[in-house]
PDB file of all heavy atoms in Angstrom:
ATOM      1  N   VAL A   1       0.856  -1.185   0.000  1.00  0.00           N
ATOM      2  CA  VAL A   1       0.000   0.000   0.000  1.00  0.00           C
ATOM      3  C   VAL A   1       0.890   1.232   0.000  1.00  0.00           C
ATOM      4  O   VAL A   1       1.796   1.350   0.825  1.00  0.00           O
ATOM      5  CB  VAL A   1      -0.925   0.020   1.239  1.00  0.00           C
ATOM      6  CG1 VAL A   1      -1.795   1.264   1.229  1.00  0.00           C
ATOM      7  CG2 VAL A   1      -1.781  -1.236   1.299  1.00  0.00           C
ATOM      8  N   TYR A   2       0.638   2.128  -0.946  1.00  0.00           N
ATOM      9  CA  TYR A   2       1.399   3.370  -1.059  1.00  0.00           C
ATOM     10  C   TYR A   2       0.431   4.546  -1.065  1.00  0.00           C
ATOM     11  O   TYR A   2      -0.545   4.541  -1.817  1.00  0.00           O
ATOM     12  CB  TYR A   2       2.211   3.395  -2.360  1.00  0.00           C
ATOM     13  CG  TYR A   2       3.169   2.246  -2.507  1.00  0.00           C
ATOM     14  CD1 TYR A   2       2.808   1.105  -3.215  1.00  0.00           C
ATOM     15  CD2 TYR A   2       4.433   2.290  -1.942  1.00  0.00           C
ATOM     16  CE1 TYR A   2       3.675   0.040  -3.356  1.00  0.00           C
ATOM     17  CE2 TYR A   2       5.317   1.233  -2.081  1.00  0.00           C
ATOM     18  CZ  TYR A   2       4.936   0.118  -2.787  1.00  0.00           C
ATOM     19  OH  TYR A   2       5.800  -0.940  -2.931  1.00  0.00           O
ATOM     20  N   TYR A   3       0.741   5.541  -0.256  1.00  0.00           N
ATOM     21  CA  TYR A   3      -0.058   6.771  -0.237  1.00  0.00           C
ATOM     22  C   TYR A   3       0.834   7.925  -0.640  1.00  0.00           C
ATOM     23  O   TYR A   3       1.912   8.109  -0.073  1.00  0.00           O
ATOM     24  CB  TYR A   3      -0.657   7.010   1.144  1.00  0.00           C
ATOM     25  CG  TYR A   3      -1.342   8.357   1.260  1.00  0.00           C
ATOM     26  CD1 TYR A   3      -2.429   8.676   0.453  1.00  0.00           C
ATOM     27  CD2 TYR A   3      -0.887   9.314   2.150  1.00  0.00           C
ATOM     28  CE1 TYR A   3      -3.045   9.906   0.540  1.00  0.00           C
ATOM     29  CE2 TYR A   3      -1.510  10.547   2.257  1.00  0.00           C
ATOM     30  CZ  TYR A   3      -2.585  10.837   1.441  1.00  0.00           C
ATOM     31  OH  TYR A   3      -3.196  12.057   1.529  1.00  0.00           O
ATOM     32  N   ASP A   4       0.410   8.702  -1.617  1.00  0.00           N
ATOM     33  CA  ASP A   4       1.139   9.878  -2.082  1.00  0.00           C
ATOM     34  C   ASP A   4       0.313  11.117  -1.744  1.00  0.00           C
ATOM     35  O   ASP A   4      -0.670  11.408  -2.436  1.00  0.00           O
ATOM     36  CB  ASP A   4       1.376   9.784  -3.585  1.00  0.00           C
ATOM     37  CG  ASP A   4       2.072  11.008  -4.159  1.00  0.00           C
ATOM     38  OD1 ASP A   4       2.418  11.937  -3.394  1.00  0.00           O
ATOM     39  OD2 ASP A   4       2.273  11.039  -5.381  1.00  0.00           O
ATOM     40  N   PRO A   5       0.672  11.839  -0.666  1.00  0.00           N
ATOM     41  CA  PRO A   5      -0.121  13.009  -0.278  1.00  0.00           C
ATOM     42  C   PRO A   5      -0.014  14.164  -1.274  1.00  0.00           C
ATOM     43  O   PRO A   5      -0.943  14.950  -1.391  1.00  0.00           O
ATOM     44  CB  PRO A   5       0.450  13.391   1.082  1.00  0.00           C
ATOM     45  CG  PRO A   5       1.828  12.841   1.098  1.00  0.00           C
ATOM     46  CD  PRO A   5       1.790  11.608   0.238  1.00  0.00           C
ATOM     47  N   ILE A   6       1.089  14.252  -2.009  1.00  0.00           N
ATOM     48  CA  ILE A   6       1.236  15.340  -2.974  1.00  0.00           C
ATOM     49  C   ILE A   6       0.399  15.051  -4.222  1.00  0.00           C
ATOM     50  O   ILE A   6      -0.337  15.899  -4.706  1.00  0.00           O
ATOM     51  CB  ILE A   6       2.719  15.557  -3.335  1.00  0.00           C
ATOM     52  CG1 ILE A   6       3.474  16.011  -2.083  1.00  0.00           C
ATOM     53  CG2 ILE A   6       2.866  16.563  -4.471  1.00  0.00           C
ATOM     54  CD1 ILE A   6       4.963  16.051  -2.232  1.00  0.00           C
ATOM     55  N   GLY A   7       0.492  13.831  -4.735  1.00  0.00           N
ATOM     56  CA  GLY A   7      -0.294  13.444  -5.905  1.00  0.00           C
ATOM     57  C   GLY A   7      -1.709  13.026  -5.553  1.00  0.00           C
ATOM     58  O   GLY A   7      -2.525  12.797  -6.436  1.00  0.00           O
ATOM     59  N   GLU A   8      -1.981  12.908  -4.247  1.00  0.00           N
ATOM     60  CA  GLU A   8      -3.299  12.502  -3.732  1.00  0.00           C
ATOM     61  C   GLU A   8      -3.764  11.186  -4.363  1.00  0.00           C
ATOM     62  O   GLU A   8      -4.848  11.089  -4.926  1.00  0.00           O
ATOM     63  CB  GLU A   8      -4.336  13.603  -3.932  1.00  0.00           C
ATOM     64  CG  GLU A   8      -4.027  14.846  -3.138  1.00  0.00           C
ATOM     65  CD  GLU A   8      -5.074  15.932  -3.278  1.00  0.00           C
ATOM     66  OE1 GLU A   8      -5.876  15.896  -4.229  1.00  0.00           O
ATOM     67  OE2 GLU A   8      -5.090  16.817  -2.420  1.00  0.00           O
ATOM     68  N   THR A   9      -2.898  10.176  -4.247  1.00  0.00           N
ATOM     69  CA  THR A   9      -3.249   8.858  -4.748  1.00  0.00           C
ATOM     70  C   THR A   9      -2.998   7.805  -3.680  1.00  0.00           C
ATOM     71  O   THR A   9      -2.096   7.933  -2.855  1.00  0.00           O
ATOM     72  CB  THR A   9      -2.436   8.484  -5.999  1.00  0.00           C
ATOM     73  OG1 THR A   9      -1.045   8.518  -5.689  1.00  0.00           O
ATOM     74  CG2 THR A   9      -2.741   9.406  -7.164  1.00  0.00           C
ATOM     75  N   LEU A  10      -3.804   6.771  -3.711  1.00  0.00           N
ATOM     76  CA  LEU A  10      -3.624   5.599  -2.866  1.00  0.00           C
ATOM     77  C   LEU A  10      -3.489   4.419  -3.822  1.00  0.00           C
ATOM     78  O   LEU A  10      -4.389   4.156  -4.627  1.00  0.00           O
ATOM     79  CB  LEU A  10      -4.820   5.393  -1.944  1.00  0.00           C
ATOM     80  CG  LEU A  10      -4.731   4.166  -1.039  1.00  0.00           C
ATOM     81  CD1 LEU A  10      -3.689   4.404   0.052  1.00  0.00           C
ATOM     82  CD2 LEU A  10      -6.082   3.859  -0.425  1.00  0.00           C
ATOM     83  N   THR A  11      -2.353   3.734  -3.761  1.00  0.00           N
ATOM     84  CA  THR A  11      -2.086   2.615  -4.649  1.00  0.00           C
ATOM     85  C   THR A  11      -1.957   1.343  -3.835  1.00  0.00           C
ATOM     86  O   THR A  11      -1.252   1.323  -2.829  1.00  0.00           O
ATOM     87  CB  THR A  11      -0.790   2.853  -5.451  1.00  0.00           C
ATOM     88  OG1 THR A  11      -0.884   4.117  -6.114  1.00  0.00           O
ATOM     89  CG2 THR A  11      -0.572   1.759  -6.479  1.00  0.00           C
ATOM     90  N   VAL A  12      -2.649   0.301  -4.260  1.00  0.00           N
ATOM     91  CA  VAL A  12      -2.634  -0.983  -3.568  1.00  0.00           C
ATOM     92  C   VAL A  12      -2.283  -2.071  -4.581  1.00  0.00           C
ATOM     93  O   VAL A  12      -2.926  -2.181  -5.628  1.00  0.00           O
ATOM     94  CB  VAL A  12      -4.002  -1.291  -2.921  1.00  0.00           C
ATOM     95  CG1 VAL A  12      -3.980  -2.645  -2.231  1.00  0.00           C
ATOM     96  CG2 VAL A  12      -4.400  -0.196  -1.947  1.00  0.00           C
ATOM     97  N   TRP A  13      -1.239  -2.829  -4.257  1.00  0.00           N
ATOM     98  CA  TRP A  13      -0.827  -3.964  -5.084  1.00  0.00           C
ATOM     99  C   TRP A  13      -1.064  -5.248  -4.308  1.00  0.00           C
ATOM    100  O   TRP A  13      -0.623  -5.382  -3.178  1.00  0.00           O
ATOM    101  CB  TRP A  13       0.659  -3.882  -5.429  1.00  0.00           C
ATOM    102  CG  TRP A  13       1.010  -2.775  -6.364  1.00  0.00           C
ATOM    103  CD1 TRP A  13       1.525  -1.556  -6.028  1.00  0.00           C
ATOM    104  CD2 TRP A  13       0.895  -2.771  -7.780  1.00  0.00           C
ATOM    105  NE1 TRP A  13       1.714  -0.797  -7.154  1.00  0.00           N
ATOM    106  CE2 TRP A  13       1.339  -1.526  -8.246  1.00  0.00           C
ATOM    107  CE3 TRP A  13       0.440  -3.711  -8.702  1.00  0.00           C
ATOM    108  CZ2 TRP A  13       1.350  -1.195  -9.590  1.00  0.00           C
ATOM    109  CZ3 TRP A  13       0.461  -3.381 -10.047  1.00  0.00           C
ATOM    110  CH2 TRP A  13       0.914  -2.141 -10.482  1.00  0.00           C
ATOM    111  N   PHE A  14      -1.747  -6.212  -4.903  1.00  0.00           N
ATOM    112  CA  PHE A  14      -1.874  -7.535  -4.311  1.00  0.00           C
ATOM    113  C   PHE A  14      -1.319  -8.579  -5.272  1.00  0.00           C
ATOM    114  O   PHE A  14      -1.514  -9.771  -5.109  1.00  0.00           O
ATOM    115  CB  PHE A  14      -3.311  -7.874  -3.885  1.00  0.00           C
ATOM    116  CG  PHE A  14      -4.368  -7.258  -4.746  1.00  0.00           C
ATOM    117  CD1 PHE A  14      -4.809  -7.884  -5.882  1.00  0.00           C
ATOM    118  CD2 PHE A  14      -4.909  -6.029  -4.399  1.00  0.00           C
ATOM    119  CE1 PHE A  14      -5.795  -7.316  -6.673  1.00  0.00           C
ATOM    120  CE2 PHE A  14      -5.893  -5.451  -5.191  1.00  0.00           C
ATOM    121  CZ  PHE A  14      -6.332  -6.104  -6.326  1.00  0.00           C
ATOM    122  N   GLY A  15      -0.633  -8.105  -6.260  1.00  0.00           N
ATOM    123  CA  GLY A  15       0.118  -8.930  -7.202  1.00  0.00           C
ATOM    124  C   GLY A  15       1.462  -8.270  -7.416  1.00  0.00           C
ATOM    125  O   GLY A  15       1.755  -7.224  -6.828  1.00  0.00           O
ATOM    126  N   ASN A  16       2.276  -8.847  -8.253  1.00  0.00           N
ATOM    127  CA  ASN A  16       3.605  -8.303  -8.526  1.00  0.00           C
ATOM    128  C   ASN A  16       3.489  -7.080  -9.442  1.00  0.00           C
ATOM    129  O   ASN A  16       3.018  -7.211 -10.577  1.00  0.00           O
ATOM    130  CB  ASN A  16       4.469  -9.384  -9.182  1.00  0.00           C
ATOM    131  CG  ASN A  16       5.883  -8.937  -9.420  1.00  0.00           C
ATOM    132  OD1 ASN A  16       6.227  -7.781  -9.258  1.00  0.00           O
ATOM    133  ND2 ASN A  16       6.723  -9.873  -9.817  1.00  0.00           N
ATOM    134  N   PRO A  17       3.934  -5.906  -8.997  1.00  0.00           N
ATOM    135  CA  PRO A  17       3.846  -4.704  -9.842  1.00  0.00           C
ATOM    136  C   PRO A  17       4.584  -4.854 -11.173  1.00  0.00           C
ATOM    137  O   PRO A  17       4.207  -4.238 -12.168  1.00  0.00           O
ATOM    138  CB  PRO A  17       4.482  -3.608  -8.986  1.00  0.00           C
ATOM    139  CG  PRO A  17       4.319  -4.090  -7.581  1.00  0.00           C
ATOM    140  CD  PRO A  17       4.428  -5.583  -7.651  1.00  0.00           C
ATOM    141  N   ASP A  18       5.624  -5.704 -11.204  1.00  0.00           N
ATOM    142  CA  ASP A  18       6.366  -5.916 -12.445  1.00  0.00           C
ATOM    143  C   ASP A  18       5.532  -6.643 -13.499  1.00  0.00           C
ATOM    144  O   ASP A  18       5.872  -6.637 -14.677  1.00  0.00           O
ATOM    145  CB  ASP A  18       7.641  -6.716 -12.177  1.00  0.00           C
ATOM    146  CG  ASP A  18       8.641  -5.929 -11.339  1.00  0.00           C
ATOM    147  OD1 ASP A  18       8.601  -4.676 -11.375  1.00  0.00           O
ATOM    148  OD2 ASP A  18       9.455  -6.566 -10.646  1.00  0.00           O
ATOM    149  N   ASP A  19       4.440  -7.283 -13.081  1.00  0.00           N
ATOM    150  CA  ASP A  19       3.561  -8.006 -14.017  1.00  0.00           C
ATOM    151  C   ASP A  19       2.513  -7.101 -14.665  1.00  0.00           C
ATOM    152  O   ASP A  19       1.724  -7.574 -15.487  1.00  0.00           O
ATOM    153  CB  ASP A  19       2.848  -9.156 -13.298  1.00  0.00           C
ATOM    154  CG  ASP A  19       3.802 -10.258 -12.889  1.00  0.00           C
ATOM    155  OD1 ASP A  19       4.903 -10.344 -13.465  1.00  0.00           O
ATOM    156  OD2 ASP A  19       3.442 -11.035 -11.980  1.00  0.00           O
ATOM    157  N   GLU A  20       2.520  -5.811 -14.319  1.00  0.00           N
ATOM    158  CA  GLU A  20       1.527  -4.893 -14.897  1.00  0.00           C
ATOM    159  C   GLU A  20       1.678  -4.839 -16.404  1.00  0.00           C
ATOM    160  O   GLU A  20       2.765  -4.630 -16.931  1.00  0.00           O
ATOM    161  CB  GLU A  20       1.695  -3.492 -14.316  1.00  0.00           C
ATOM    162  CG  GLU A  20       0.717  -2.489 -14.879  1.00  0.00           C
ATOM    163  CD  GLU A  20       0.934  -1.081 -14.343  1.00  0.00           C
ATOM    164  OE1 GLU A  20       1.707  -0.898 -13.402  1.00  0.00           O
ATOM    165  OE2 GLU A  20       0.309  -0.171 -14.895  1.00  0.00           O
ATOM    166  N   TYR A  21       0.569  -5.035 -17.098  1.00  0.00           N
ATOM    167  CA  TYR A  21       0.563  -5.032 -18.556  1.00  0.00           C
ATOM    168  C   TYR A  21      -0.310  -3.912 -19.115  1.00  0.00           C
ATOM    169  O   TYR A  21       0.048  -3.265 -20.089  1.00  0.00           O
ATOM    170  CB  TYR A  21       0.078  -6.387 -19.072  1.00  0.00           C
ATOM    171  CG  TYR A  21      -0.011  -6.481 -20.563  1.00  0.00           C
ATOM    172  CD1 TYR A  21       1.138  -6.518 -21.342  1.00  0.00           C
ATOM    173  CD2 TYR A  21      -1.241  -6.540 -21.214  1.00  0.00           C
ATOM    174  CE1 TYR A  21       1.069  -6.597 -22.721  1.00  0.00           C
ATOM    175  CE2 TYR A  21      -1.325  -6.622 -22.585  1.00  0.00           C
ATOM    176  CZ  TYR A  21      -0.171  -6.651 -23.335  1.00  0.00           C
ATOM    177  OH  TYR A  21      -0.243  -6.720 -24.708  1.00  0.00           O
ATOM    178  N   ILE A  22      -1.447  -3.686 -18.471  1.00  0.00           N
ATOM    179  CA  ILE A  22      -2.396  -2.675 -18.959  1.00  0.00           C
ATOM    180  C   ILE A  22      -3.153  -2.086 -17.770  1.00  0.00           C
ATOM    181  O   ILE A  22      -3.291  -2.726 -16.733  1.00  0.00           O
ATOM    182  CB  ILE A  22      -3.380  -3.282 -19.984  1.00  0.00           C
ATOM    183  CG1 ILE A  22      -4.133  -2.197 -20.726  1.00  0.00           C
ATOM    184  CG2 ILE A  22      -4.313  -4.269 -19.324  1.00  0.00           C
ATOM    185  CD1 ILE A  22      -4.839  -2.681 -21.990  1.00  0.00           C
ATOM    186  N   CYS A  23      -3.599  -0.855 -17.934  1.00  0.00           N
ATOM    187  CA  CYS A  23      -4.404  -0.184 -16.902  1.00  0.00           C
ATOM    188  C   CYS A  23      -5.760   0.169 -17.497  1.00  0.00           C
ATOM    189  O   CYS A  23      -5.872   0.459 -18.690  1.00  0.00           O
ATOM    190  CB  CYS A  23      -3.728   1.098 -16.430  1.00  0.00           C
ATOM    191  SG  CYS A  23      -2.179   0.826 -15.600  1.00  0.00           S
ATOM    192  N   GLU A  24      -6.760   0.168 -16.628  1.00  0.00           N
ATOM    193  CA  GLU A  24      -8.123   0.504 -17.060  1.00  0.00           C
ATOM    194  C   GLU A  24      -8.721   1.456 -16.030  1.00  0.00           C
ATOM    195  O   GLU A  24      -8.791   1.137 -14.851  1.00  0.00           O
ATOM    196  CB  GLU A  24      -8.945  -0.776 -17.138  1.00  0.00           C
ATOM    197  CG  GLU A  24     -10.395  -0.574 -17.455  1.00  0.00           C
ATOM    198  CD  GLU A  24     -11.142  -1.902 -17.410  1.00  0.00           C
ATOM    199  OE1 GLU A  24     -10.585  -2.935 -17.812  1.00  0.00           O
ATOM    200  OE2 GLU A  24     -12.293  -1.890 -16.943  1.00  0.00           O
ATOM    201  N   GLU A  25      -9.141   2.638 -16.489  1.00  0.00           N
ATOM    202  CA  GLU A  25      -9.742   3.604 -15.568  1.00  0.00           C
ATOM    203  C   GLU A  25     -11.245   3.372 -15.475  1.00  0.00           C
ATOM    204  O   GLU A  25     -11.919   3.152 -16.475  1.00  0.00           O
ATOM    205  CB  GLU A  25      -9.464   5.033 -16.026  1.00  0.00           C
ATOM    206  CG  GLU A  25      -9.900   6.059 -15.009  1.00  0.00           C
ATOM    207  CD  GLU A  25      -9.424   7.468 -15.319  1.00  0.00           C
ATOM    208  OE1 GLU A  25      -8.672   7.659 -16.287  1.00  0.00           O
ATOM    209  OE2 GLU A  25      -9.812   8.384 -14.580  1.00  0.00           O
ATOM    210  N   THR A  26     -11.761   3.416 -14.266  1.00  0.00           N
ATOM    211  CA  THR A  26     -13.194   3.269 -14.046  1.00  0.00           C
ATOM    212  C   THR A  26     -13.821   4.656 -13.902  1.00  0.00           C
ATOM    213  O   THR A  26     -13.123   5.664 -13.874  1.00  0.00           O
ATOM    214  CB  THR A  26     -13.484   2.454 -12.768  1.00  0.00           C
ATOM    215  OG1 THR A  26     -13.118   3.241 -11.634  1.00  0.00           O
ATOM    216  CG2 THR A  26     -12.721   1.148 -12.755  1.00  0.00           C
ATOM    217  N   ARG A  27     -15.115   4.717 -13.771  1.00  0.00           N
ATOM    218  CA  ARG A  27     -15.812   6.003 -13.617  1.00  0.00           C
ATOM    219  C   ARG A  27     -15.679   6.559 -12.205  1.00  0.00           C
ATOM    220  O   ARG A  27     -16.018   7.695 -11.958  1.00  0.00           O
ATOM    221  CB  ARG A  27     -17.290   5.825 -13.951  1.00  0.00           C
ATOM    222  CG  ARG A  27     -17.512   5.511 -15.392  1.00  0.00           C
ATOM    223  CD  ARG A  27     -18.971   5.403 -15.708  1.00  0.00           C
ATOM    224  NE  ARG A  27     -19.112   5.025 -17.104  1.00  0.00           N
ATOM    225  CZ  ARG A  27     -20.202   4.543 -17.619  1.00  0.00           C
ATOM    226  NH1 ARG A  27     -21.262   4.363 -16.861  1.00  0.00           N
ATOM    227  NH2 ARG A  27     -20.253   4.229 -18.887  1.00  0.00           N
ATOM    228  N   GLU A  28     -15.201   5.758 -11.268  1.00  0.00           N
ATOM    229  CA  GLU A  28     -15.109   6.177  -9.866  1.00  0.00           C
ATOM    230  C   GLU A  28     -13.712   6.681  -9.506  1.00  0.00           C
ATOM    231  O   GLU A  28     -13.304   6.619  -8.353  1.00  0.00           O
ATOM    232  CB  GLU A  28     -15.485   5.009  -8.942  1.00  0.00           C
ATOM    233  CG  GLU A  28     -16.929   4.586  -9.035  1.00  0.00           C
ATOM    234  CD  GLU A  28     -17.174   3.661 -10.218  1.00  0.00           C
ATOM    235  OE1 GLU A  28     -16.250   2.947 -10.650  1.00  0.00           O
ATOM    236  OE2 GLU A  28     -18.306   3.656 -10.729  1.00  0.00           O
ATOM    237  N   GLU A  29     -12.947   7.156 -10.500  1.00  0.00           N
ATOM    238  CA  GLU A  29     -11.575   7.637 -10.296  1.00  0.00           C
ATOM    239  C   GLU A  29     -10.689   6.555  -9.698  1.00  0.00           C
ATOM    240  O   GLU A  29      -9.875   6.797  -8.818  1.00  0.00           O
ATOM    241  CB  GLU A  29     -11.547   8.904  -9.438  1.00  0.00           C
ATOM    242  CG  GLU A  29     -12.230  10.082 -10.088  1.00  0.00           C
ATOM    243  CD  GLU A  29     -12.073  11.359  -9.299  1.00  0.00           C
ATOM    244  OE1 GLU A  29     -11.996  11.317  -8.061  1.00  0.00           O
ATOM    245  OE2 GLU A  29     -12.003  12.419  -9.939  1.00  0.00           O
ATOM    246  N   VAL A  30     -10.877   5.344 -10.186  1.00  0.00           N
ATOM    247  CA  VAL A  30     -10.056   4.210  -9.784  1.00  0.00           C
ATOM    248  C   VAL A  30      -9.420   3.640 -11.048  1.00  0.00           C
ATOM    249  O   VAL A  30     -10.090   3.462 -12.063  1.00  0.00           O
ATOM    250  CB  VAL A  30     -10.895   3.121  -9.081  1.00  0.00           C
ATOM    251  CG1 VAL A  30     -10.069   1.873  -8.816  1.00  0.00           C
ATOM    252  CG2 VAL A  30     -11.478   3.659  -7.788  1.00  0.00           C
ATOM    253  N   ILE A  31      -8.134   3.358 -10.963  1.00  0.00           N
ATOM    254  CA  ILE A  31      -7.419   2.746 -12.068  1.00  0.00           C
ATOM    255  C   ILE A  31      -7.096   1.309 -11.676  1.00  0.00           C
ATOM    256  O   ILE A  31      -6.517   1.072 -10.607  1.00  0.00           O
ATOM    257  CB  ILE A  31      -6.133   3.518 -12.404  1.00  0.00           C
ATOM    258  CG1 ILE A  31      -6.497   4.929 -12.858  1.00  0.00           C
ATOM    259  CG2 ILE A  31      -5.322   2.783 -13.464  1.00  0.00           C
ATOM    260  CD1 ILE A  31      -5.327   5.839 -13.077  1.00  0.00           C
ATOM    261  N   LEU A  32      -7.488   0.369 -12.507  1.00  0.00           N
ATOM    262  CA  LEU A  32      -7.200  -1.046 -12.271  1.00  0.00           C
ATOM    263  C   LEU A  32      -5.947  -1.425 -13.052  1.00  0.00           C
ATOM    264  O   LEU A  32      -5.859  -1.177 -14.248  1.00  0.00           O
ATOM    265  CB  LEU A  32      -8.367  -1.918 -12.730  1.00  0.00           C
ATOM    266  CG  LEU A  32      -9.727  -1.626 -12.102  1.00  0.00           C
ATOM    267  CD1 LEU A  32     -10.797  -2.515 -12.732  1.00  0.00           C
ATOM    268  CD2 LEU A  32      -9.675  -1.819 -10.598  1.00  0.00           C
ATOM    269  N   MET A  33      -4.972  -2.005 -12.367  1.00  0.00           N
ATOM    270  CA  MET A  33      -3.772  -2.495 -13.020  1.00  0.00           C
ATOM    271  C   MET A  33      -3.943  -3.997 -13.241  1.00  0.00           C
ATOM    272  O   MET A  33      -4.303  -4.719 -12.313  1.00  0.00           O
ATOM    273  CB  MET A  33      -2.531  -2.218 -12.173  1.00  0.00           C
ATOM    274  CG  MET A  33      -2.084  -0.766 -12.204  1.00  0.00           C
ATOM    275  SD  MET A  33      -2.949   0.295 -11.054  1.00  0.00           S
ATOM    276  CE  MET A  33      -2.060   0.001  -9.556  1.00  0.00           C
ATOM    277  N   LYS A  34      -3.691  -4.432 -14.475  1.00  0.00           N
ATOM    278  CA  LYS A  34      -3.921  -5.825 -14.840  1.00  0.00           C
ATOM    279  C   LYS A  34      -2.670  -6.459 -15.428  1.00  0.00           C
ATOM    280  O   LYS A  34      -1.831  -5.770 -16.013  1.00  0.00           O
ATOM    281  CB  LYS A  34      -5.056  -5.920 -15.864  1.00  0.00           C
ATOM    282  CG  LYS A  34      -6.382  -5.393 -15.358  1.00  0.00           C
ATOM    283  CD  LYS A  34      -7.460  -5.528 -16.408  1.00  0.00           C
ATOM    284  CE  LYS A  34      -8.802  -5.057 -15.876  1.00  0.00           C
ATOM    285  NZ  LYS A  34      -9.867  -5.261 -16.889  1.00  0.00           N
ATOM    286  N   ASP A  35      -2.598  -7.791 -15.291  1.00  0.00           N
ATOM    287  CA  ASP A  35      -1.508  -8.538 -15.906  1.00  0.00           C
ATOM    288  C   ASP A  35      -1.910  -8.931 -17.329  1.00  0.00           C
ATOM    289  O   ASP A  35      -2.993  -8.585 -17.796  1.00  0.00           O
ATOM    290  CB  ASP A  35      -1.114  -9.753 -15.052  1.00  0.00           C
ATOM    291  CG  ASP A  35      -2.229 -10.767 -14.888  1.00  0.00           C
ATOM    292  OD1 ASP A  35      -3.246 -10.715 -15.619  1.00  0.00           O
ATOM    293  OD2 ASP A  35      -2.078 -11.640 -14.007  1.00  0.00           O
ATOM    294  N   ARG A  36      -1.048  -9.658 -18.021  1.00  0.00           N
ATOM    295  CA  ARG A  36      -1.322 -10.047 -19.420  1.00  0.00           C
ATOM    296  C   ARG A  36      -2.575 -10.899 -19.563  1.00  0.00           C
ATOM    297  O   ARG A  36      -3.226 -10.879 -20.597  1.00  0.00           O
ATOM    298  CB  ARG A  36      -0.134 -10.801 -19.999  1.00  0.00           C
ATOM    299  CG  ARG A  36       1.032  -9.903 -20.320  1.00  0.00           C
ATOM    300  CD  ARG A  36       2.101 -10.690 -21.083  1.00  0.00           C
ATOM    301  NE  ARG A  36       3.200  -9.823 -21.436  1.00  0.00           N
ATOM    302  CZ  ARG A  36       3.261  -9.105 -22.550  1.00  0.00           C
ATOM    303  NH1 ARG A  36       2.278  -9.154 -23.408  1.00  0.00           N
ATOM    304  NH2 ARG A  36       4.298  -8.340 -22.796  1.00  0.00           N
ATOM    305  N   ALA A  37      -2.923 -11.650 -18.523  1.00  0.00           N
ATOM    306  CA  ALA A  37      -4.111 -12.511 -18.581  1.00  0.00           C
ATOM    307  C   ALA A  37      -5.392 -11.743 -18.262  1.00  0.00           C
ATOM    308  O   ALA A  37      -6.478 -12.300 -18.318  1.00  0.00           O
ATOM    309  CB  ALA A  37      -3.949 -13.673 -17.608  1.00  0.00           C
ATOM    310  N   GLY A  38      -5.269 -10.447 -17.914  1.00  0.00           N
ATOM    311  CA  GLY A  38      -6.436  -9.633 -17.595  1.00  0.00           C
ATOM    312  C   GLY A  38      -6.835  -9.682 -16.133  1.00  0.00           C
ATOM    313  O   GLY A  38      -7.869  -9.133 -15.755  1.00  0.00           O
ATOM    314  N   ASN A  39      -6.018 -10.324 -15.301  1.00  0.00           N
ATOM    315  CA  ASN A  39      -6.292 -10.375 -13.863  1.00  0.00           C
ATOM    316  C   ASN A  39      -5.909  -9.059 -13.201  1.00  0.00           C
ATOM    317  O   ASN A  39      -4.838  -8.512 -13.484  1.00  0.00           O
ATOM    318  CB  ASN A  39      -5.500 -11.507 -13.204  1.00  0.00           C
ATOM    319  CG  ASN A  39      -5.839 -12.853 -13.787  1.00  0.00           C
ATOM    320  OD1 ASN A  39      -6.999 -13.207 -13.909  1.00  0.00           O
ATOM    321  ND2 ASN A  39      -4.816 -13.596 -14.174  1.00  0.00           N
ATOM    322  N   VAL A  40      -6.754  -8.557 -12.331  1.00  0.00           N
ATOM    323  CA  VAL A  40      -6.452  -7.334 -11.601  1.00  0.00           C
ATOM    324  C   VAL A  40      -5.407  -7.662 -10.539  1.00  0.00           C
ATOM    325  O   VAL A  40      -5.593  -8.554  -9.714  1.00  0.00           O
ATOM    326  CB  VAL A  40      -7.718  -6.743 -10.947  1.00  0.00           C
ATOM    327  CG1 VAL A  40      -7.363  -5.515 -10.112  1.00  0.00           C
ATOM    328  CG2 VAL A  40      -8.738  -6.376 -12.005  1.00  0.00           C
ATOM    329  N   ILE A  41      -4.274  -6.946 -10.592  1.00  0.00           N
ATOM    330  CA  ILE A  41      -3.194  -7.185  -9.633  1.00  0.00           C
ATOM    331  C   ILE A  41      -2.968  -5.973  -8.731  1.00  0.00           C
ATOM    332  O   ILE A  41      -2.106  -5.993  -7.854  1.00  0.00           O
ATOM    333  CB  ILE A  41      -1.885  -7.573 -10.346  1.00  0.00           C
ATOM    334  CG1 ILE A  41      -1.455  -6.489 -11.334  1.00  0.00           C
ATOM    335  CG2 ILE A  41      -2.031  -8.925 -11.026  1.00  0.00           C
ATOM    336  CD1 ILE A  41      -0.082  -6.714 -11.940  1.00  0.00           C
ATOM    337  N   GLY A  42      -3.753  -4.923  -8.956  1.00  0.00           N
ATOM    338  CA  GLY A  42      -3.652  -3.733  -8.114  1.00  0.00           C
ATOM    339  C   GLY A  42      -4.641  -2.672  -8.570  1.00  0.00           C
ATOM    340  O   GLY A  42      -5.288  -2.810  -9.601  1.00  0.00           O
TER     341      GLY A  42
END
């Protein structure tokens, strides 16, 4: 879990960040980080 008070972001990884392949933004100001298989890893 990473909190950036200057950028005002909260980032949570429950998978390996190095496996990030694509990001998808939702309507709720949340960005989903996914691996190549499409699994959400953060």
